[in-house]
Amino acid sequence: MNRTLYRWLICLHPPAFRLRFEEELLWIFNEFTNTSGAAPLVYDAAISLLRQWLMRSGMWKWVLGAIAGVVPLLIAFGSFLFPWPIRP
């Protein structure tokens, strides 16, 4: 079950990353699970999946642009929502 999930997470990585590191990642999984549990490796593969697609695909530019566009709106609408000074 854990190996299937881990292999599936590796298959979801970008093709260039997968072609370069798939065999090594599976070897590490086999070695590590003999001595410890598989949970840390599955967690690491999930984080790596997000990082690879976000950083290497250039999607980070879209995320940063969305944040930069939303922050001024929140500041502007915040002045309409709270026209009086907020005091703690």
C-alpha atoms as a PDB file:
ATOM      1  CA  MET A   1       0.000   0.000   0.000  1.00  0.00           C
ATOM      2  CA  ASN A   2       2.680   2.522   0.990  1.00  0.00           C
ATOM      3  CA  ARG A   3       4.889   1.573  -1.960  1.00  0.00           C
ATOM      4  CA  THR A   4       1.961   2.007  -4.346  1.00  0.00           C
ATOM      5  CA  LEU A   5       1.201   5.444  -2.911  1.00  0.00           C
ATOM      6  CA  TYR A   6       4.872   6.439  -3.043  1.00  0.00           C
ATOM      7  CA  ARG A   7       5.209   5.244  -6.635  1.00  0.00           C
ATOM      8  CA  TRP A   8       2.043   7.131  -7.571  1.00  0.00           C
ATOM      9  CA  LEU A   9       3.426  10.335  -6.013  1.00  0.00           C
ATOM     10  CA  ILE A  10       6.641   9.912  -7.998  1.00  0.00           C
ATOM     11  CA  CYS A  11       4.653   9.420 -11.216  1.00  0.00           C
ATOM     12  CA  LEU A  12       2.914  12.759 -10.643  1.00  0.00           C
ATOM     13  CA  HIS A  13       6.236  14.651 -10.641  1.00  0.00           C
ATOM     14  CA  PRO A  14       7.268  16.531 -13.813  1.00  0.00           C
ATOM     15  CA  PRO A  15       8.710  14.201 -16.485  1.00  0.00           C
ATOM     16  CA  ALA A  16      12.256  15.584 -16.373  1.00  0.00           C
ATOM     17  CA  PHE A  17      12.467  15.102 -12.604  1.00  0.00           C
ATOM     18  CA  ARG A  18      10.911  11.654 -12.780  1.00  0.00           C
ATOM     19  CA  LEU A  19      13.255  10.407 -15.508  1.00  0.00           C
ATOM     20  CA  ARG A  20      16.286  11.574 -13.582  1.00  0.00           C
ATOM     21  CA  PHE A  21      15.383  10.475 -10.046  1.00  0.00           C
ATOM     22  CA  GLU A  22      12.688   7.764 -10.164  1.00  0.00           C
ATOM     23  CA  GLU A  23      14.976   4.747  -9.834  1.00  0.00           C
ATOM     24  CA  GLU A  24      16.998   6.353  -7.051  1.00  0.00           C
ATOM     25  CA  LEU A  25      13.872   7.364  -5.130  1.00  0.00           C
ATOM     26  CA  LEU A  26      12.457   3.849  -5.323  1.00  0.00           C
ATOM     27  CA  TRP A  27      15.782   2.378  -4.193  1.00  0.00           C
ATOM     28  CA  ILE A  28      15.864   4.758  -1.220  1.00  0.00           C
ATOM     29  CA  PHE A  29      12.275   3.805  -0.395  1.00  0.00           C
ATOM     30  CA  ASN A  30      13.163   0.108  -0.374  1.00  0.00           C
ATOM     31  CA  GLU A  31      16.220   0.654   1.814  1.00  0.00           C
ATOM     32  CA  PHE A  32      14.533   3.056   4.216  1.00  0.00           C
ATOM     33  CA  THR A  33      11.384   1.007   4.763  1.00  0.00           C
ATOM     34  CA  ASN A  34      13.490  -1.986   5.817  1.00  0.00           C
ATOM     35  CA  THR A  35      14.738  -0.032   8.843  1.00  0.00           C
ATOM     36  CA  SER A  36      11.997   2.589   9.438  1.00  0.00           C
ATOM     37  CA  GLY A  37       8.432   3.344   8.448  1.00  0.00           C
ATOM     38  CA  ALA A  38       7.407   4.692   5.072  1.00  0.00           C
ATOM     39  CA  ALA A  39       5.453   7.691   6.378  1.00  0.00           C
ATOM     40  CA  PRO A  40       8.370  10.202   6.296  1.00  0.00           C
ATOM     41  CA  LEU A  41       9.201   9.287   2.699  1.00  0.00           C
ATOM     42  CA  VAL A  42       5.577   9.527   1.553  1.00  0.00           C
ATOM     43  CA  TYR A  43       5.315  12.937   3.243  1.00  0.00           C
ATOM     44  CA  ASP A  44       8.573  14.057   1.595  1.00  0.00           C
ATOM     45  CA  ALA A  45       7.364  12.885  -1.823  1.00  0.00           C
ATOM     46  CA  ALA A  46       4.131  14.868  -1.425  1.00  0.00           C
ATOM     47  CA  ILE A  47       6.016  18.042  -0.462  1.00  0.00           C
ATOM     48  CA  SER A  48       8.467  17.472  -3.317  1.00  0.00           C
ATOM     49  CA  LEU A  49       5.577  17.086  -5.743  1.00  0.00           C
ATOM     50  CA  LEU A  50       4.146  20.461  -4.768  1.00  0.00           C
ATOM     51  CA  ARG A  51       7.569  22.110  -4.859  1.00  0.00           C
ATOM     52  CA  GLN A  52       8.493  20.687  -8.270  1.00  0.00           C
ATOM     53  CA  TRP A  53       5.255  21.729  -9.969  1.00  0.00           C
ATOM     54  CA  LEU A  54       5.149  25.120  -8.294  1.00  0.00           C
ATOM     55  CA  MET A  55       8.774  26.181  -8.736  1.00  0.00           C
ATOM     56  CA  ARG A  56       9.914  24.452 -11.900  1.00  0.00           C
ATOM     57  CA  SER A  57       6.788  25.029 -13.950  1.00  0.00           C
ATOM     58  CA  GLY A  58       6.828  28.784 -13.378  1.00  0.00           C
ATOM     59  CA  MET A  59       3.477  28.599 -11.605  1.00  0.00           C
ATOM     60  CA  TRP A  60       5.035  30.571  -8.737  1.00  0.00           C
ATOM     61  CA  LYS A  61       4.801  33.663 -10.934  1.00  0.00           C
ATOM     62  CA  TRP A  62       1.030  33.263 -11.176  1.00  0.00           C
ATOM     63  CA  VAL A  63       0.705  32.677  -7.441  1.00  0.00           C
ATOM     64  CA  LEU A  64       2.841  35.708  -6.638  1.00  0.00           C
ATOM     65  CA  GLY A  65       0.869  37.818  -9.125  1.00  0.00           C
ATOM     66  CA  ALA A  66      -2.434  36.738  -7.571  1.00  0.00           C
ATOM     67  CA  ILE A  67      -1.195  37.617  -4.095  1.00  0.00           C
ATOM     68  CA  ALA A  68       0.113  40.975  -5.298  1.00  0.00           C
ATOM     69  CA  GLY A  69      -3.273  41.679  -6.906  1.00  0.00           C
ATOM     70  CA  VAL A  70      -5.367  40.657  -3.911  1.00  0.00           C
ATOM     71  CA  VAL A  71      -3.432  42.549  -1.213  1.00  0.00           C
ATOM     72  CA  PRO A  72      -4.306  46.049  -2.541  1.00  0.00           C
ATOM     73  CA  LEU A  73      -7.949  44.997  -2.856  1.00  0.00           C
ATOM     74  CA  LEU A  74      -8.004  43.823   0.739  1.00  0.00           C
ATOM     75  CA  ILE A  75      -6.446  47.083   1.879  1.00  0.00           C
ATOM     76  CA  ALA A  76      -8.926  49.131  -0.162  1.00  0.00           C
ATOM     77  CA  PHE A  77     -12.005  47.187   0.919  1.00  0.00           C
ATOM     78  CA  GLY A  78     -10.754  47.113   4.476  1.00  0.00           C
ATOM     79  CA  SER A  79     -11.182  50.883   4.646  1.00  0.00           C
ATOM     80  CA  PHE A  80     -14.824  50.478   3.562  1.00  0.00           C
ATOM     81  CA  LEU A  81     -15.520  47.678   5.990  1.00  0.00           C
ATOM     82  CA  PHE A  82     -14.003  49.512   8.946  1.00  0.00           C
ATOM     83  CA  PRO A  83     -14.427  53.290   8.400  1.00  0.00           C
ATOM     84  CA  TRP A  84     -13.671  53.896  12.066  1.00  0.00           C
ATOM     85  CA  PRO A  85     -10.302  53.192  13.682  1.00  0.00           C
ATOM     86  CA  ILE A  86     -10.032  49.714  15.137  1.00  0.00           C
ATOM     87  CA  ARG A  87      -8.725  49.757  18.701  1.00  0.00           C
ATOM     88  CA  PRO A  88      -7.738  46.701  20.704  1.00  0.00           C
END
